[in-house]
Amino acid sequence: MTNIETLPTEQRQRCEVWTRVMGYHRPVSQFNVGKRAEHRERRHFTERAALTS
């Protein structure tokens, strides 16, 4: 992995993060201060596939 291209600072843009809250998708940037703090503290996990018989 020595062939990595990096964009100049002026070509970069912020990535907008969306999440699902109470059945609705909203950008994290629109959260209030408390909800943003809660979002930062979340623990992410991957659920294993359900077993079917």
PDB file of N, CA and C in Angstrom:
ATOM      1  N   MET A   1       0.812  -1.186   0.000  1.00  0.00           N
ATOM      2  CA  MET A   1       0.000   0.000   0.000  1.00  0.00           C
ATOM      3  C   MET A   1       0.859   1.255   0.000  1.00  0.00           C
ATOM      4  N   THR A   2       1.817   1.294  -0.837  1.00  0.00           N
ATOM      5  CA  THR A   2       2.664   2.475  -0.910  1.00  0.00           C
ATOM      6  C   THR A   2       2.138   3.477  -1.926  1.00  0.00           C
ATOM      7  N   ASN A   3       1.143   3.092  -2.721  1.00  0.00           N
ATOM      8  CA  ASN A   3       0.601   3.959  -3.760  1.00  0.00           C
ATOM      9  C   ASN A   3      -0.664   4.656  -3.249  1.00  0.00           C
ATOM     10  N   ILE A   4      -0.509   5.578  -2.308  1.00  0.00           N
ATOM     11  CA  ILE A   4      -1.643   6.282  -1.713  1.00  0.00           C
ATOM     12  C   ILE A   4      -1.653   7.716  -2.211  1.00  0.00           C
ATOM     13  N   GLU A   5      -2.814   8.134  -2.730  1.00  0.00           N
ATOM     14  CA  GLU A   5      -2.954   9.502  -3.212  1.00  0.00           C
ATOM     15  C   GLU A   5      -3.687  10.334  -2.157  1.00  0.00           C
ATOM     16  N   THR A   6      -3.168  11.499  -1.868  1.00  0.00           N
ATOM     17  CA  THR A   6      -3.777  12.388  -0.882  1.00  0.00           C
ATOM     18  C   THR A   6      -4.243  13.656  -1.577  1.00  0.00           C
ATOM     19  N   LEU A   7      -5.488  14.059  -1.298  1.00  0.00           N
ATOM     20  CA  LEU A   7      -6.023  15.282  -1.890  1.00  0.00           C
ATOM     21  C   LEU A   7      -5.451  16.507  -1.190  1.00  0.00           C
ATOM     22  N   PRO A   8      -5.248  17.570  -1.949  1.00  0.00           N
ATOM     23  CA  PRO A   8      -4.848  18.826  -1.311  1.00  0.00           C
ATOM     24  C   PRO A   8      -5.975  19.320  -0.402  1.00  0.00           C
ATOM     25  N   THR A   9      -5.636  20.078   0.610  1.00  0.00           N
ATOM     26  CA  THR A   9      -6.609  20.555   1.592  1.00  0.00           C
ATOM     27  C   THR A   9      -7.777  21.274   0.938  1.00  0.00           C
ATOM     28  N   GLU A  10      -7.533  22.090  -0.074  1.00  0.00           N
ATOM     29  CA  GLU A  10      -8.609  22.868  -0.695  1.00  0.00           C
ATOM     30  C   GLU A  10      -9.592  21.997  -1.491  1.00  0.00           C
ATOM     31  N   GLN A  11      -9.243  20.750  -1.810  1.00  0.00           N
ATOM     32  CA  GLN A  11     -10.142  19.849  -2.536  1.00  0.00           C
ATOM     33  C   GLN A  11     -10.921  18.920  -1.605  1.00  0.00           C
ATOM     34  N   ARG A  12     -10.583  18.915  -0.334  1.00  0.00           N
ATOM     35  CA  ARG A  12     -11.263  18.037   0.617  1.00  0.00           C
ATOM     36  C   ARG A  12     -12.578  18.653   1.059  1.00  0.00           C
ATOM     37  N   GLN A  13     -13.528  17.796   1.466  1.00  0.00           N
ATOM     38  CA  GLN A  13     -14.791  18.285   2.014  1.00  0.00           C
ATOM     39  C   GLN A  13     -15.202  17.406   3.182  1.00  0.00           C
ATOM     40  N   ARG A  14     -15.987  17.982   4.083  1.00  0.00           N
ATOM     41  CA  ARG A  14     -16.431  17.249   5.271  1.00  0.00           C
ATOM     42  C   ARG A  14     -17.423  16.169   4.863  1.00  0.00           C
ATOM     43  N   CYS A  15     -17.360  15.062   5.533  1.00  0.00           N
ATOM     44  CA  CYS A  15     -18.274  13.954   5.308  1.00  0.00           C
ATOM     45  C   CYS A  15     -19.468  14.136   6.244  1.00  0.00           C
ATOM     46  N   GLU A  16     -20.676  14.135   5.677  1.00  0.00           N
ATOM     47  CA  GLU A  16     -21.873  14.288   6.509  1.00  0.00           C
ATOM     48  C   GLU A  16     -22.314  12.910   6.999  1.00  0.00           C
ATOM     49  N   VAL A  17     -22.397  12.749   8.300  1.00  0.00           N
ATOM     50  CA  VAL A  17     -22.767  11.472   8.913  1.00  0.00           C
ATOM     51  C   VAL A  17     -24.252  11.497   9.242  1.00  0.00           C
ATOM     52  N   TRP A  18     -24.982  10.469   8.787  1.00  0.00           N
ATOM     53  CA  TRP A  18     -26.404  10.330   9.066  1.00  0.00           C
ATOM     54  C   TRP A  18     -26.604   9.131   9.974  1.00  0.00           C
ATOM     55  N   THR A  19     -27.637   9.172  10.781  1.00  0.00           N
ATOM     56  CA  THR A  19     -27.964   8.056  11.652  1.00  0.00           C
ATOM     57  C   THR A  19     -29.480   7.950  11.776  1.00  0.00           C
ATOM     58  N   ARG A  20     -29.948   6.807  12.200  1.00  0.00           N
ATOM     59  CA  ARG A  20     -31.386   6.589  12.351  1.00  0.00           C
ATOM     60  C   ARG A  20     -31.758   6.795  13.806  1.00  0.00           C
ATOM     61  N   VAL A  21     -32.690   7.698  14.046  1.00  0.00           N
ATOM     62  CA  VAL A  21     -33.173   7.982  15.398  1.00  0.00           C
ATOM     63  C   VAL A  21     -34.689   7.879  15.377  1.00  0.00           C
ATOM     64  N   MET A  22     -35.230   7.003  16.200  1.00  0.00           N
ATOM     65  CA  MET A  22     -36.678   6.840  16.323  1.00  0.00           C
ATOM     66  C   MET A  22     -37.349   6.622  14.963  1.00  0.00           C
ATOM     67  N   GLY A  23     -36.708   5.858  14.087  1.00  0.00           N
ATOM     68  CA  GLY A  23     -37.293   5.528  12.795  1.00  0.00           C
ATOM     69  C   GLY A  23     -37.035   6.541  11.696  1.00  0.00           C
ATOM     70  N   TYR A  24     -36.373   7.648  12.001  1.00  0.00           N
ATOM     71  CA  TYR A  24     -36.090   8.678  11.003  1.00  0.00           C
ATOM     72  C   TYR A  24     -34.590   8.801  10.808  1.00  0.00           C
ATOM     73  N   HIS A  25     -34.167   9.083   9.575  1.00  0.00           N
ATOM     74  CA  HIS A  25     -32.755   9.318   9.290  1.00  0.00           C
ATOM     75  C   HIS A  25     -32.494  10.818   9.370  1.00  0.00           C
ATOM     76  N   ARG A  26     -31.470  11.191  10.155  1.00  0.00           N
ATOM     77  CA  ARG A  26     -31.117  12.599  10.336  1.00  0.00           C
ATOM     78  C   ARG A  26     -29.606  12.755  10.331  1.00  0.00           C
ATOM     79  N   PRO A  27     -29.118  13.885   9.805  1.00  0.00           N
ATOM     80  CA  PRO A  27     -27.683  14.140   9.892  1.00  0.00           C
ATOM     81  C   PRO A  27     -27.295  14.476  11.330  1.00  0.00           C
ATOM     82  N   VAL A  28     -26.181  13.953  11.758  1.00  0.00           N
ATOM     83  CA  VAL A  28     -25.701  14.189  13.119  1.00  0.00           C
ATOM     84  C   VAL A  28     -25.438  15.679  13.342  1.00  0.00           C
ATOM     85  N   SER A  29     -25.111  16.408  12.285  1.00  0.00           N
ATOM     86  CA  SER A  29     -24.834  17.842  12.425  1.00  0.00           C
ATOM     87  C   SER A  29     -26.057  18.632  12.895  1.00  0.00           C
ATOM     88  N   GLN A  30     -27.253  18.077  12.755  1.00  0.00           N
ATOM     89  CA  GLN A  30     -28.471  18.767  13.196  1.00  0.00           C
ATOM     90  C   GLN A  30     -28.875  18.390  14.620  1.00  0.00           C
ATOM     91  N   PHE A  31     -28.125  17.515  15.266  1.00  0.00           N
ATOM     92  CA  PHE A  31     -28.429  17.130  16.644  1.00  0.00           C
ATOM     93  C   PHE A  31     -28.112  18.282  17.591  1.00  0.00           C
ATOM     94  N   ASN A  32     -28.791  18.300  18.739  1.00  0.00           N
ATOM     95  CA  ASN A  32     -28.429  19.268  19.771  1.00  0.00           C
ATOM     96  C   ASN A  32     -27.166  18.770  20.482  1.00  0.00           C
ATOM     97  N   VAL A  33     -26.611  19.579  21.352  1.00  0.00           N
ATOM     98  CA  VAL A  33     -25.334  19.270  22.010  1.00  0.00           C
ATOM     99  C   VAL A  33     -25.392  17.937  22.754  1.00  0.00           C
ATOM    100  N   GLY A  34     -26.467  17.697  23.501  1.00  0.00           N
ATOM    101  CA  GLY A  34     -26.585  16.460  24.270  1.00  0.00           C
ATOM    102  C   GLY A  34     -26.670  15.229  23.397  1.00  0.00           C
ATOM    103  N   LYS A  35     -27.428  15.315  22.303  1.00  0.00           N
ATOM    104  CA  LYS A  35     -27.583  14.175  21.399  1.00  0.00           C
ATOM    105  C   LYS A  35     -26.272  13.887  20.667  1.00  0.00           C
ATOM    106  N   ARG A  36     -25.516  14.929  20.324  1.00  0.00           N
ATOM    107  CA  ARG A  36     -24.206  14.713  19.684  1.00  0.00           C
ATOM    108  C   ARG A  36     -23.266  13.979  20.629  1.00  0.00           C
ATOM    109  N   ALA A  37     -23.268  14.375  21.901  1.00  0.00           N
ATOM    110  CA  ALA A  37     -22.411  13.711  22.888  1.00  0.00           C
ATOM    111  C   ALA A  37     -22.816  12.253  23.033  1.00  0.00           C
ATOM    112  N   GLU A  38     -24.113  11.999  23.058  1.00  0.00           N
ATOM    113  CA  GLU A  38     -24.603  10.619  23.146  1.00  0.00           C
ATOM    114  C   GLU A  38     -24.169   9.812  21.928  1.00  0.00           C
ATOM    115  N   HIS A  39     -24.228  10.421  20.749  1.00  0.00           N
ATOM    116  CA  HIS A  39     -23.826   9.731  19.516  1.00  0.00           C
ATOM    117  C   HIS A  39     -22.344   9.375  19.552  1.00  0.00           C
ATOM    118  N   ARG A  40     -21.498  10.270  20.072  1.00  0.00           N
ATOM    119  CA  ARG A  40     -20.052   9.994  20.165  1.00  0.00           C
ATOM    120  C   ARG A  40     -19.758   8.836  21.107  1.00  0.00           C
ATOM    121  N   GLU A  41     -20.585   8.663  22.137  1.00  0.00           N
ATOM    122  CA  GLU A  41     -20.348   7.625  23.142  1.00  0.00           C
ATOM    123  C   GLU A  41     -20.916   6.260  22.754  1.00  0.00           C
ATOM    124  N   ARG A  42     -21.642   6.179  21.649  1.00  0.00           N
ATOM    125  CA  ARG A  42     -22.256   4.909  21.255  1.00  0.00           C
ATOM    126  C   ARG A  42     -21.208   3.843  20.981  1.00  0.00           C
ATOM    127  N   ARG A  43     -21.570   2.617  21.301  1.00  0.00           N
ATOM    128  CA  ARG A  43     -20.709   1.476  20.999  1.00  0.00           C
ATOM    129  C   ARG A  43     -21.307   0.763  19.799  1.00  0.00           C
ATOM    130  N   HIS A  44     -20.529   0.631  18.735  1.00  0.00           N
ATOM    131  CA  HIS A  44     -21.003  -0.013  17.511  1.00  0.00           C
ATOM    132  C   HIS A  44     -20.679  -1.502  17.556  1.00  0.00           C
ATOM    133  N   PHE A  45     -21.551  -2.303  17.000  1.00  0.00           N
ATOM    134  CA  PHE A  45     -21.333  -3.741  16.970  1.00  0.00           C
ATOM    135  C   PHE A  45     -21.926  -4.304  15.687  1.00  0.00           C
ATOM    136  N   THR A  46     -21.506  -5.519  15.345  1.00  0.00           N
ATOM    137  CA  THR A  46     -22.036  -6.234  14.196  1.00  0.00           C
ATOM    138  C   THR A  46     -22.773  -7.451  14.704  1.00  0.00           C
ATOM    139  N   GLU A  47     -24.013  -7.573  14.297  1.00  0.00           N
ATOM    140  CA  GLU A  47     -24.834  -8.681  14.754  1.00  0.00           C
ATOM    141  C   GLU A  47     -24.597  -9.894  13.861  1.00  0.00           C
ATOM    142  N   ARG A  48     -24.458 -11.052  14.493  1.00  0.00           N
ATOM    143  CA  ARG A  48     -24.277 -12.275  13.719  1.00  0.00           C
ATOM    144  C   ARG A  48     -25.572 -12.617  13.000  1.00  0.00           C
ATOM    145  N   ALA A  49     -25.462 -13.364  11.918  1.00  0.00           N
ATOM    146  CA  ALA A  49     -26.646 -13.771  11.161  1.00  0.00           C
ATOM    147  C   ALA A  49     -27.524 -14.668  12.023  1.00  0.00           C
ATOM    148  N   ALA A  50     -28.817 -14.525  11.872  1.00  0.00           N
ATOM    149  CA  ALA A  50     -29.761 -15.336  12.645  1.00  0.00           C
ATOM    150  C   ALA A  50     -29.757 -16.772  12.122  1.00  0.00           C
ATOM    151  N   LEU A  51     -29.885 -17.713  13.035  1.00  0.00           N
ATOM    152  CA  LEU A  51     -29.955 -19.117  12.649  1.00  0.00           C
ATOM    153  C   LEU A  51     -31.395 -19.471  12.319  1.00  0.00           C
ATOM    154  N   THR A  52     -31.600 -20.117  11.195  1.00  0.00           N
ATOM    155  CA  THR A  52     -32.948 -20.556  10.827  1.00  0.00           C
ATOM    156  C   THR A  52     -32.958 -22.066  10.761  1.00  0.00           C
ATOM    157  N   SER A  53     -34.064 -22.658  11.178  1.00  0.00           N
ATOM    158  CA  SER A  53     -34.131 -24.125  11.161  1.00  0.00           C
ATOM    159  C   SER A  53     -35.166 -24.612  10.192  1.00  0.00           C
TER     160      SER A  53
END
